[in-house]
Every structure is written in C-alpha cells, then in structure tokens.
Amino acid sequence: MKAYIDRDGCIGCGLCSDICPKVFQMADDGKAEVYVDVIPPDSEDTASEAADSCPVSVITVE
C-alpha cells in the first residue's frame, strides 16, 4: 500500500500525523507529508484511518 497527499489542499491540522506517525509527518512548511515509500503492514489500518479522518479529504491510501 502507498499513501499520497494533495499538499496544495492540506490545511496542516496534523491529524494524520497524530493518528499514523509511522507514515505521516508535518513538514517544515506546516503541511503534512508522507515519508515512507510503502506503508508498513502494521500501519495499513491506521493510515487508512488517517485518510478517512482528514477534514479536507486530501489523503489517498491505495
């Protein structure tokens, strides 16, 4: 599985990095970023939860 963020639409709330810190982190510009190439198997559920919880729906997990 991979995660993608449309950083142009990110509002920097930090919810994704709070829910799934193994996949998402906050960048220096205050927006979220994906920092793994492939989601670790033990983080797939929380990465999907982070995507579902994004208030602006800019996260895709596939």
C-alpha atoms as a PDB file:
ATOM      1  CA  MET A   1       0.000   0.000   0.000  1.00  0.00           C
ATOM      2  CA  LYS A   2       1.015   3.580  -0.656  1.00  0.00           C
ATOM      3  CA  ALA A   3      -0.222   6.899   0.673  1.00  0.00           C
ATOM      4  CA  TYR A   4      -0.465  10.185  -1.182  1.00  0.00           C
ATOM      5  CA  ILE A   5      -1.294  13.700  -0.005  1.00  0.00           C
ATOM      6  CA  ASP A   6      -2.507  16.561  -2.169  1.00  0.00           C
ATOM      7  CA  ARG A   7      -0.348  19.080  -0.338  1.00  0.00           C
ATOM      8  CA  ASP A   8      -1.986  22.014  -2.141  1.00  0.00           C
ATOM      9  CA  GLY A   9      -5.210  21.263  -0.286  1.00  0.00           C
ATOM     10  CA  CYS A  10      -3.636  20.357   3.073  1.00  0.00           C
ATOM     11  CA  ILE A  11      -4.612  22.741   5.886  1.00  0.00           C
ATOM     12  CA  GLY A  12      -1.896  21.500   8.258  1.00  0.00           C
ATOM     13  CA  CYS A  13      -4.192  20.294  11.038  1.00  0.00           C
ATOM     14  CA  GLY A  14      -1.786  17.473  11.965  1.00  0.00           C
ATOM     15  CA  LEU A  15      -4.490  14.864  12.459  1.00  0.00           C
ATOM     16  CA  CYS A  16      -2.901  12.361  10.063  1.00  0.00           C
ATOM     17  CA  SER A  17       0.479  12.503  11.809  1.00  0.00           C
ATOM     18  CA  ASP A  18      -1.248  12.132  15.186  1.00  0.00           C
ATOM     19  CA  ILE A  19      -3.164   9.053  14.010  1.00  0.00           C
ATOM     20  CA  CYS A  20      -0.388   7.398  11.975  1.00  0.00           C
ATOM     21  CA  PRO A  21       3.071   8.806  12.781  1.00  0.00           C
ATOM     22  CA  LYS A  22       4.811   5.889  11.063  1.00  0.00           C
ATOM     23  CA  VAL A  23       3.553   7.144   7.685  1.00  0.00           C
ATOM     24  CA  PHE A  24       2.734  10.860   8.011  1.00  0.00           C
ATOM     25  CA  GLN A  25       4.679  13.763   9.452  1.00  0.00           C
ATOM     26  CA  MET A  26       4.410  17.512   9.436  1.00  0.00           C
ATOM     27  CA  ALA A  27       6.882  19.221   7.099  1.00  0.00           C
ATOM     28  CA  ASP A  28       8.716  22.472   7.781  1.00  0.00           C
ATOM     29  CA  ASP A  29       6.106  24.373   5.767  1.00  0.00           C
ATOM     30  CA  GLY A  30       3.376  23.263   8.204  1.00  0.00           C
ATOM     31  CA  LYS A  31       1.724  20.819   5.822  1.00  0.00           C
ATOM     32  CA  ALA A  32       1.568  17.054   6.122  1.00  0.00           C
ATOM     33  CA  GLU A  33       3.768  14.773   4.065  1.00  0.00           C
ATOM     34  CA  VAL A  34       4.170  11.058   3.505  1.00  0.00           C
ATOM     35  CA  TYR A  35       7.649   9.973   4.498  1.00  0.00           C
ATOM     36  CA  VAL A  36       7.637   6.268   3.620  1.00  0.00           C
ATOM     37  CA  ASP A  37       7.638   4.758   0.133  1.00  0.00           C
ATOM     38  CA  VAL A  38       5.467   1.817   1.145  1.00  0.00           C
ATOM     39  CA  ILE A  39       3.139   1.728   4.150  1.00  0.00           C
ATOM     40  CA  PRO A  40       4.388  -0.881   6.650  1.00  0.00           C
ATOM     41  CA  PRO A  41       1.877  -3.726   7.000  1.00  0.00           C
ATOM     42  CA  ASP A  42       1.360  -2.955  10.700  1.00  0.00           C
ATOM     43  CA  SER A  43       0.356   0.628   9.822  1.00  0.00           C
ATOM     44  CA  GLU A  44      -2.089  -0.026   6.980  1.00  0.00           C
ATOM     45  CA  ASP A  45      -5.186   0.267   9.190  1.00  0.00           C
ATOM     46  CA  THR A  46      -4.059   3.482  10.870  1.00  0.00           C
ATOM     47  CA  ALA A  47      -3.009   5.010   7.533  1.00  0.00           C
ATOM     48  CA  SER A  48      -6.496   4.313   6.190  1.00  0.00           C
ATOM     49  CA  GLU A  49      -7.986   5.776   9.379  1.00  0.00           C
ATOM     50  CA  ALA A  50      -5.885   8.916   8.879  1.00  0.00           C
ATOM     51  CA  ALA A  51      -7.145   9.242   5.306  1.00  0.00           C
ATOM     52  CA  ASP A  52     -10.754   8.803   6.422  1.00  0.00           C
ATOM     53  CA  SER A  53     -10.264  11.356   9.215  1.00  0.00           C
ATOM     54  CA  CYS A  54      -8.716  14.083   7.057  1.00  0.00           C
ATOM     55  CA  PRO A  55     -11.075  17.083   7.310  1.00  0.00           C
ATOM     56  CA  VAL A  56     -10.271  18.222   3.754  1.00  0.00           C
ATOM     57  CA  SER A  57     -10.021  14.733   2.186  1.00  0.00           C
ATOM     58  CA  VAL A  58      -6.580  15.220   0.607  1.00  0.00           C
ATOM     59  CA  ILE A  59      -5.133  11.822   1.615  1.00  0.00           C
ATOM     60  CA  THR A  60      -5.370   8.765  -0.623  1.00  0.00           C
ATOM     61  CA  VAL A  61      -4.320   5.282   0.510  1.00  0.00           C
ATOM     62  CA  GLU A  62      -4.221   2.526  -2.103  1.00  0.00           C
END
